[in-house]
Amino acid sequence: MRPTPNGDHHRRHGLSAGPPLAHYPRSSSSSASFKGCCCCLFLLSSFLLLLVLAVFLIIFLAVKPEKPQFDLQQVGVQYMGIYPSNPSSLDGTGTAVSPSPTTASLSLTIHLLFTAVNPNKVGIKYGESRFTVMYRGIPLGKASVPGFYQEAHSTRNVEVTIAVDRANLMQADASDLIRDASLSDRVQLRILGDVGAKIRVLDFDSPGVQVSVDCAIVVSPRKQSITDKQCGFDGLSV
């Protein structure tokens, strides 16, 4: 039995059904490319950072930085006044004539002259320095020195004035102060200070170097002068 013309025509001109074309999304390939770029940038940045640190470390070791020298050259008392709560505690010669006062106040102006010596081949950047004057562990007054930059192989004077305006002392400390001033004419004070510095190499600052100042001075209230002083400096090497 022959196929009909219509059926033969449909077989000749009909489109055979085939499998659908596959369309793969491009997001996966784009994401992989982006991650690869990020990884390359991270590796490049890490390499450059390590290179800069290596160069800085080589230069830093070649310079061989030393801690700065911070020495006290002069110390002077511009004024010292002791004011007991009972004025009759001291007579005209400075001798105690009555029982110990309940309180006393101390006014004091001390001028300090330090020398900062930079023995390095590079400059030193100093931060703000703070100094405190104490009597028997009691803070009486403070002073600060603004930061500054010091050139290589140079010496610089640093002046500090500590002013104490009627610092109050309670009974036990007031009695000690009156006794020290009236009987022995010597009032021992302690000056503490912290000086922060950084070695500067190629506009990069090294880790901080802390220099601690600890000075013990003896003041004569009658002579208004320093009769003895001892200073110690404790620096941390870089």
C-alpha atoms as a PDB file:
ATOM      1  CA  MET A   1       0.000   0.000   0.000  1.00  0.00           C
ATOM      2  CA  ARG A   2       1.594   3.294  -1.157  1.00  0.00           C
ATOM      3  CA  PRO A   3       1.685   6.210   1.044  1.00  0.00           C
ATOM      4  CA  THR A   4      -0.603   9.017   0.221  1.00  0.00           C
ATOM      5  CA  PRO A   5       0.885  12.148  -1.373  1.00  0.00           C
ATOM      6  CA  ASN A   6      -0.111  14.193   1.601  1.00  0.00           C
ATOM      7  CA  GLY A   7       1.701  11.948   3.987  1.00  0.00           C
ATOM      8  CA  ASP A   8       4.778  11.843   1.704  1.00  0.00           C
ATOM      9  CA  HIS A   9       4.693  15.630   1.430  1.00  0.00           C
ATOM     10  CA  HIS A  10       4.603  16.013   5.193  1.00  0.00           C
ATOM     11  CA  ARG A  11       7.542  13.666   5.609  1.00  0.00           C
ATOM     12  CA  ARG A  12       9.579  15.566   2.997  1.00  0.00           C
ATOM     13  CA  HIS A  13       8.859  19.034   4.247  1.00  0.00           C
ATOM     14  CA  GLY A  14       8.102  18.377   7.916  1.00  0.00           C
ATOM     15  CA  LEU A  15      10.709  19.448  10.578  1.00  0.00           C
ATOM     16  CA  SER A  16      11.937  16.614  12.684  1.00  0.00           C
ATOM     17  CA  ALA A  17      11.844  17.273  16.442  1.00  0.00           C
ATOM     18  CA  GLY A  18      15.378  17.309  17.877  1.00  0.00           C
ATOM     19  CA  PRO A  19      16.843  17.789  21.327  1.00  0.00           C
ATOM     20  CA  PRO A  20      16.698  21.397  22.664  1.00  0.00           C
ATOM     21  CA  LEU A  21      19.828  23.492  22.479  1.00  0.00           C
ATOM     22  CA  ALA A  22      21.611  23.889  25.833  1.00  0.00           C
ATOM     23  CA  HIS A  23      22.179  27.464  27.081  1.00  0.00           C
ATOM     24  CA  TYR A  24      24.825  27.645  29.830  1.00  0.00           C
ATOM     25  CA  PRO A  25      24.843  30.741  32.056  1.00  0.00           C
ATOM     26  CA  ARG A  26      27.904  32.977  31.867  1.00  0.00           C
ATOM     27  CA  SER A  27      27.745  33.979  35.539  1.00  0.00           C
ATOM     28  CA  SER A  28      29.925  31.095  36.697  1.00  0.00           C
ATOM     29  CA  SER A  29      32.763  31.955  34.323  1.00  0.00           C
ATOM     30  CA  SER A  30      32.536  35.668  35.215  1.00  0.00           C
ATOM     31  CA  SER A  31      32.616  34.874  38.949  1.00  0.00           C
ATOM     32  CA  ALA A  32      35.684  32.688  38.508  1.00  0.00           C
ATOM     33  CA  SER A  33      37.422  35.441  36.550  1.00  0.00           C
ATOM     34  CA  PHE A  34      36.595  38.049  39.213  1.00  0.00           C
ATOM     35  CA  LYS A  35      37.923  35.812  41.977  1.00  0.00           C
ATOM     36  CA  GLY A  36      41.105  35.261  40.021  1.00  0.00           C
ATOM     37  CA  CYS A  37      41.635  39.014  39.620  1.00  0.00           C
ATOM     38  CA  CYS A  38      41.057  39.604  43.340  1.00  0.00           C
ATOM     39  CA  CYS A  39      43.535  36.870  44.198  1.00  0.00           C
ATOM     40  CA  CYS A  40      46.148  38.372  41.887  1.00  0.00           C
ATOM     41  CA  LEU A  41      45.651  41.856  43.368  1.00  0.00           C
ATOM     42  CA  PHE A  42      45.925  40.492  46.903  1.00  0.00           C
ATOM     43  CA  LEU A  43      49.135  38.639  46.108  1.00  0.00           C
ATOM     44  CA  LEU A  44      50.602  41.696  44.390  1.00  0.00           C
ATOM     45  CA  SER A  45      49.707  43.973  47.313  1.00  0.00           C
ATOM     46  CA  SER A  46      51.173  41.505  49.796  1.00  0.00           C
ATOM     47  CA  PHE A  47      54.370  41.256  47.787  1.00  0.00           C
ATOM     48  CA  LEU A  48      54.765  45.037  47.579  1.00  0.00           C
ATOM     49  CA  LEU A  49      54.089  45.412  51.291  1.00  0.00           C
ATOM     50  CA  LEU A  50      56.665  42.771  52.165  1.00  0.00           C
ATOM     51  CA  LEU A  51      59.142  44.416  49.809  1.00  0.00           C
ATOM     52  CA  VAL A  52      58.692  47.819  51.466  1.00  0.00           C
ATOM     53  CA  LEU A  53      59.046  46.291  54.936  1.00  0.00           C
ATOM     54  CA  ALA A  54      62.176  44.434  53.876  1.00  0.00           C
ATOM     55  CA  VAL A  55      63.771  47.601  52.475  1.00  0.00           C
ATOM     56  CA  PHE A  56      62.833  49.558  55.605  1.00  0.00           C
ATOM     57  CA  LEU A  57      64.244  46.817  57.848  1.00  0.00           C
ATOM     58  CA  ILE A  58      67.525  46.711  55.916  1.00  0.00           C
ATOM     59  CA  ILE A  59      67.925  50.493  56.136  1.00  0.00           C
ATOM     60  CA  PHE A  60      66.908  50.482  59.795  1.00  0.00           C
ATOM     61  CA  LEU A  61      69.509  47.841  60.654  1.00  0.00           C
ATOM     62  CA  ALA A  62      72.152  49.622  58.590  1.00  0.00           C
ATOM     63  CA  VAL A  63      71.549  52.859  60.497  1.00  0.00           C
ATOM     64  CA  LYS A  64      71.880  51.044  63.870  1.00  0.00           C
ATOM     65  CA  PRO A  65      69.757  53.511  65.856  1.00  0.00           C
ATOM     66  CA  GLU A  66      70.636  54.318  69.448  1.00  0.00           C
ATOM     67  CA  LYS A  67      68.414  55.601  72.212  1.00  0.00           C
ATOM     68  CA  PRO A  68      68.490  59.391  72.672  1.00  0.00           C
ATOM     69  CA  GLN A  69      70.267  60.905  75.653  1.00  0.00           C
ATOM     70  CA  PHE A  70      68.152  63.100  77.901  1.00  0.00           C
ATOM     71  CA  ASP A  71      70.175  64.709  80.712  1.00  0.00           C
ATOM     72  CA  LEU A  72      69.347  67.287  83.382  1.00  0.00           C
ATOM     73  CA  GLN A  73      71.868  70.136  83.232  1.00  0.00           C
ATOM     74  CA  GLN A  74      70.394  72.738  85.564  1.00  0.00           C
ATOM     75  CA  VAL A  75      67.651  72.950  88.143  1.00  0.00           C
ATOM     76  CA  GLY A  76      66.722  76.037  90.089  1.00  0.00           C
ATOM     77  CA  VAL A  77      64.073  77.159  92.549  1.00  0.00           C
ATOM     78  CA  GLN A  78      62.527  80.468  91.585  1.00  0.00           C
ATOM     79  CA  TYR A  79      60.145  80.517  94.542  1.00  0.00           C
ATOM     80  CA  MET A  80      59.110  78.332  97.450  1.00  0.00           C
ATOM     81  CA  GLY A  81      56.504  79.172 100.081  1.00  0.00           C
ATOM     82  CA  ILE A  82      55.044  77.052 102.890  1.00  0.00           C
ATOM     83  CA  TYR A  83      51.753  78.092 104.470  1.00  0.00           C
ATOM     84  CA  PRO A  84      50.639  76.145 107.576  1.00  0.00           C
ATOM     85  CA  SER A  85      47.019  76.304 108.666  1.00  0.00           C
ATOM     86  CA  ASN A  86      48.265  77.719 111.978  1.00  0.00           C
ATOM     87  CA  PRO A  87      50.629  80.632 111.213  1.00  0.00           C
ATOM     88  CA  SER A  88      52.160  80.403 114.709  1.00  0.00           C
ATOM     89  CA  SER A  89      53.567  76.989 113.837  1.00  0.00           C
ATOM     90  CA  LEU A  90      56.690  78.802 112.652  1.00  0.00           C
ATOM     91  CA  ASP A  91      58.362  81.746 114.290  1.00  0.00           C
ATOM     92  CA  GLY A  92      60.378  84.393 112.532  1.00  0.00           C
ATOM     93  CA  THR A  93      63.470  82.182 112.354  1.00  0.00           C
ATOM     94  CA  GLY A  94      61.590  79.238 110.908  1.00  0.00           C
ATOM     95  CA  THR A  95      61.498  77.264 114.158  1.00  0.00           C
ATOM     96  CA  ALA A  96      58.401  75.292 115.154  1.00  0.00           C
ATOM     97  CA  VAL A  97      56.805  76.789 118.281  1.00  0.00           C
ATOM     98  CA  SER A  98      53.367  75.160 118.351  1.00  0.00           C
ATOM     99  CA  PRO A  99      51.787  71.756 117.798  1.00  0.00           C
ATOM    100  CA  SER A 100      51.659  70.293 114.306  1.00  0.00           C
ATOM    101  CA  PRO A 101      49.201  71.990 111.938  1.00  0.00           C
ATOM    102  CA  THR A 102      46.230  70.106 110.627  1.00  0.00           C
ATOM    103  CA  THR A 103      46.928  71.184 107.048  1.00  0.00           C
ATOM    104  CA  ALA A 104      49.547  73.086 105.095  1.00  0.00           C
ATOM    105  CA  SER A 105      49.899  74.329 101.548  1.00  0.00           C
ATOM    106  CA  LEU A 106      52.987  74.577  99.392  1.00  0.00           C
ATOM    107  CA  SER A 107      53.712  76.971  96.538  1.00  0.00           C
ATOM    108  CA  LEU A 108      56.698  76.254  94.369  1.00  0.00           C
ATOM    109  CA  THR A 109      58.247  77.240  91.042  1.00  0.00           C
ATOM    110  CA  ILE A 110      61.049  75.052  89.695  1.00  0.00           C
ATOM    111  CA  HIS A 111      62.940  75.622  86.451  1.00  0.00           C
ATOM    112  CA  LEU A 112      64.591  72.630  84.767  1.00  0.00           C
ATOM    113  CA  LEU A 113      67.034  72.642  81.861  1.00  0.00           C
ATOM    114  CA  PHE A 114      67.552  69.373  79.983  1.00  0.00           C
ATOM    115  CA  THR A 115      69.768  68.612  77.020  1.00  0.00           C
ATOM    116  CA  ALA A 116      68.527  66.200  74.362  1.00  0.00           C
ATOM    117  CA  VAL A 117      71.365  64.549  72.453  1.00  0.00           C
ATOM    118  CA  ASN A 118      70.708  62.651  69.231  1.00  0.00           C
ATOM    119  CA  PRO A 119      73.702  60.386  68.440  1.00  0.00           C
ATOM    120  CA  ASN A 120      72.025  58.800  65.414  1.00  0.00           C
ATOM    121  CA  LYS A 121      72.523  59.279  61.689  1.00  0.00           C
ATOM    122  CA  VAL A 122      68.819  60.032  61.338  1.00  0.00           C
ATOM    123  CA  GLY A 123      66.420  62.408  63.044  1.00  0.00           C
ATOM    124  CA  ILE A 124      64.333  61.817  66.169  1.00  0.00           C
ATOM    125  CA  LYS A 125      60.714  62.848  66.593  1.00  0.00           C
ATOM    126  CA  TYR A 126      59.801  63.614  70.215  1.00  0.00           C
ATOM    127  CA  GLY A 127      56.245  63.488  71.428  1.00  0.00           C
ATOM    128  CA  GLU A 128      54.766  65.601  74.203  1.00  0.00           C
ATOM    129  CA  SER A 129      56.749  65.150  77.433  1.00  0.00           C
ATOM    130  CA  ARG A 130      55.134  65.360  80.882  1.00  0.00           C
ATOM    131  CA  PHE A 131      56.797  66.057  84.225  1.00  0.00           C
ATOM    132  CA  THR A 132      55.422  65.822  87.762  1.00  0.00           C
ATOM    133  CA  VAL A 133      56.852  67.172  91.025  1.00  0.00           C
ATOM    134  CA  MET A 134      56.048  65.107  94.142  1.00  0.00           C
ATOM    135  CA  TYR A 135      56.517  65.363  97.897  1.00  0.00           C
ATOM    136  CA  ARG A 136      56.558  62.058  99.770  1.00  0.00           C
ATOM    137  CA  GLY A 137      54.646  60.376  96.950  1.00  0.00           C
ATOM    138  CA  ILE A 138      52.006  63.138  96.701  1.00  0.00           C
ATOM    139  CA  PRO A 139      51.737  64.879  93.295  1.00  0.00           C
ATOM    140  CA  LEU A 140      51.999  68.644  93.728  1.00  0.00           C
ATOM    141  CA  GLY A 141      52.076  69.965  90.166  1.00  0.00           C
ATOM    142  CA  LYS A 142      52.635  69.042  86.540  1.00  0.00           C
ATOM    143  CA  ALA A 143      54.152  70.538  83.415  1.00  0.00           C
ATOM    144  CA  SER A 144      54.375  69.472  79.785  1.00  0.00           C
ATOM    145  CA  VAL A 145      56.713  70.181  76.875  1.00  0.00           C
ATOM    146  CA  PRO A 146      55.370  70.168  73.290  1.00  0.00           C
ATOM    147  CA  GLY A 147      56.801  67.644  70.888  1.00  0.00           C
ATOM    148  CA  PHE A 148      59.599  68.587  68.512  1.00  0.00           C
ATOM    149  CA  TYR A 149      61.863  67.141  65.817  1.00  0.00           C
ATOM    150  CA  GLN A 150      65.612  66.870  66.348  1.00  0.00           C
ATOM    151  CA  GLU A 151      68.112  66.602  63.521  1.00  0.00           C
ATOM    152  CA  ALA A 152      70.755  63.886  63.338  1.00  0.00           C
ATOM    153  CA  HIS A 153      73.938  64.334  65.393  1.00  0.00           C
ATOM    154  CA  SER A 154      72.616  67.379  67.231  1.00  0.00           C
ATOM    155  CA  THR A 155      72.080  68.686  70.766  1.00  0.00           C
ATOM    156  CA  ARG A 156      69.053  70.665  71.844  1.00  0.00           C
ATOM    157  CA  ASN A 157      68.096  72.384  75.089  1.00  0.00           C
ATOM    158  CA  VAL A 158      64.697  71.632  76.588  1.00  0.00           C
ATOM    159  CA  GLU A 159      63.373  73.943  79.306  1.00  0.00           C
ATOM    160  CA  VAL A 160      60.640  72.982  81.746  1.00  0.00           C
ATOM    161  CA  THR A 161      58.989  75.163  84.390  1.00  0.00           C
ATOM    162  CA  ILE A 162      56.845  73.440  87.012  1.00  0.00           C
ATOM    163  CA  ALA A 163      54.593  75.769  88.994  1.00  0.00           C
ATOM    164  CA  VAL A 164      52.793  74.638  92.139  1.00  0.00           C
ATOM    165  CA  ASP A 165      50.143  77.013  93.506  1.00  0.00           C
ATOM    166  CA  ARG A 166      49.208  76.294  97.135  1.00  0.00           C
ATOM    167  CA  ALA A 167      49.027  72.527  96.919  1.00  0.00           C
ATOM    168  CA  ASN A 168      47.242  71.289 100.061  1.00  0.00           C
ATOM    169  CA  LEU A 169      48.782  68.640 102.316  1.00  0.00           C
ATOM    170  CA  MET A 170      46.875  66.833 105.023  1.00  0.00           C
ATOM    171  CA  GLN A 171      47.938  66.511 108.667  1.00  0.00           C
ATOM    172  CA  ALA A 172      50.682  63.880 108.529  1.00  0.00           C
ATOM    173  CA  ASP A 173      52.288  65.236 105.375  1.00  0.00           C
ATOM    174  CA  ALA A 174      51.812  68.823 106.543  1.00  0.00           C
ATOM    175  CA  SER A 175      53.640  68.004 109.770  1.00  0.00           C
ATOM    176  CA  ASP A 176      56.502  66.412 107.831  1.00  0.00           C
ATOM    177  CA  LEU A 177      56.755  69.417 105.536  1.00  0.00           C
ATOM    178  CA  ILE A 178      56.820  71.897 108.432  1.00  0.00           C
ATOM    179  CA  ARG A 179      59.385  69.799 110.277  1.00  0.00           C
ATOM    180  CA  ASP A 180      61.605  69.438 107.211  1.00  0.00           C
ATOM    181  CA  ALA A 181      61.470  73.147 106.499  1.00  0.00           C
ATOM    182  CA  SER A 182      61.842  74.447 110.075  1.00  0.00           C
ATOM    183  CA  LEU A 183      64.226  71.991 111.695  1.00  0.00           C
ATOM    184  CA  SER A 184      66.504  70.804 108.900  1.00  0.00           C
ATOM    185  CA  ASP A 185      65.911  73.516 106.265  1.00  0.00           C
ATOM    186  CA  ARG A 186      65.662  70.844 103.592  1.00  0.00           C
ATOM    187  CA  VAL A 187      62.595  69.730 101.672  1.00  0.00           C
ATOM    188  CA  GLN A 188      63.165  66.736  99.438  1.00  0.00           C
ATOM    189  CA  LEU A 189      61.130  66.633  96.257  1.00  0.00           C
ATOM    190  CA  ARG A 190      60.971  64.139  93.432  1.00  0.00           C
ATOM    191  CA  ILE A 191      60.541  64.981  89.758  1.00  0.00           C
ATOM    192  CA  LEU A 192      59.242  62.273  87.435  1.00  0.00           C
ATOM    193  CA  GLY A 193      58.946  62.535  83.677  1.00  0.00           C
ATOM    194  CA  ASP A 194      58.211  60.473  80.595  1.00  0.00           C
ATOM    195  CA  VAL A 195      59.787  61.428  77.290  1.00  0.00           C
ATOM    196  CA  GLY A 196      58.537  59.621  74.182  1.00  0.00           C
ATOM    197  CA  ALA A 197      60.673  59.509  71.028  1.00  0.00           C
ATOM    198  CA  LYS A 198      60.687  57.779  67.647  1.00  0.00           C
ATOM    199  CA  ILE A 199      63.534  57.259  65.205  1.00  0.00           C
ATOM    200  CA  ARG A 200      62.569  58.618  61.760  1.00  0.00           C
ATOM    201  CA  VAL A 201      63.951  56.853  58.666  1.00  0.00           C
ATOM    202  CA  LEU A 202      62.757  57.897  55.187  1.00  0.00           C
ATOM    203  CA  ASP A 203      59.605  59.518  56.609  1.00  0.00           C
ATOM    204  CA  PHE A 204      58.817  56.321  58.520  1.00  0.00           C
ATOM    205  CA  ASP A 205      58.755  56.309  62.318  1.00  0.00           C
ATOM    206  CA  SER A 206      60.160  53.441  64.340  1.00  0.00           C
ATOM    207  CA  PRO A 207      58.341  51.957  67.339  1.00  0.00           C
ATOM    208  CA  GLY A 208      58.279  54.301  70.309  1.00  0.00           C
ATOM    209  CA  VAL A 209      61.260  54.757  72.617  1.00  0.00           C
ATOM    210  CA  GLN A 210      60.378  55.720  76.184  1.00  0.00           C
ATOM    211  CA  VAL A 211      62.898  57.609  78.327  1.00  0.00           C
ATOM    212  CA  SER A 212      61.934  57.892  82.000  1.00  0.00           C
ATOM    213  CA  VAL A 213      63.306  60.770  84.083  1.00  0.00           C
ATOM    214  CA  ASP A 214      63.586  60.369  87.863  1.00  0.00           C
ATOM    215  CA  CYS A 215      65.232  63.204  89.801  1.00  0.00           C
ATOM    216  CA  ALA A 216      65.489  63.714  93.560  1.00  0.00           C
ATOM    217  CA  ILE A 217      66.214  67.294  94.606  1.00  0.00           C
ATOM    218  CA  VAL A 218      66.648  68.912  98.012  1.00  0.00           C
ATOM    219  CA  VAL A 219      65.424  72.487  98.416  1.00  0.00           C
ATOM    220  CA  SER A 220      66.436  74.937 101.132  1.00  0.00           C
ATOM    221  CA  PRO A 221      63.362  77.089 101.931  1.00  0.00           C
ATOM    222  CA  ARG A 222      65.513  79.713 103.669  1.00  0.00           C
ATOM    223  CA  LYS A 223      68.054  80.062 100.853  1.00  0.00           C
ATOM    224  CA  GLN A 224      65.451  79.468  98.135  1.00  0.00           C
ATOM    225  CA  SER A 225      67.928  77.248  96.328  1.00  0.00           C
ATOM    226  CA  ILE A 226      68.802  73.641  95.471  1.00  0.00           C
ATOM    227  CA  THR A 227      71.288  72.065  97.865  1.00  0.00           C
ATOM    228  CA  ASP A 228      71.451  68.595  96.309  1.00  0.00           C
ATOM    229  CA  LYS A 229      70.202  66.722  93.260  1.00  0.00           C
ATOM    230  CA  GLN A 230      70.424  63.200  91.885  1.00  0.00           C
ATOM    231  CA  CYS A 231      68.941  62.129  88.576  1.00  0.00           C
ATOM    232  CA  GLY A 232      68.462  58.818  86.856  1.00  0.00           C
ATOM    233  CA  PHE A 233      67.357  58.080  83.311  1.00  0.00           C
ATOM    234  CA  ASP A 234      65.904  54.783  82.184  1.00  0.00           C
ATOM    235  CA  GLY A 235      65.602  54.380  78.417  1.00  0.00           C
ATOM    236  CA  LEU A 236      64.380  51.456  76.346  1.00  0.00           C
ATOM    237  CA  SER A 237      66.491  50.629  73.325  1.00  0.00           C
ATOM    238  CA  VAL A 238      64.745  50.333  69.970  1.00  0.00           C
END
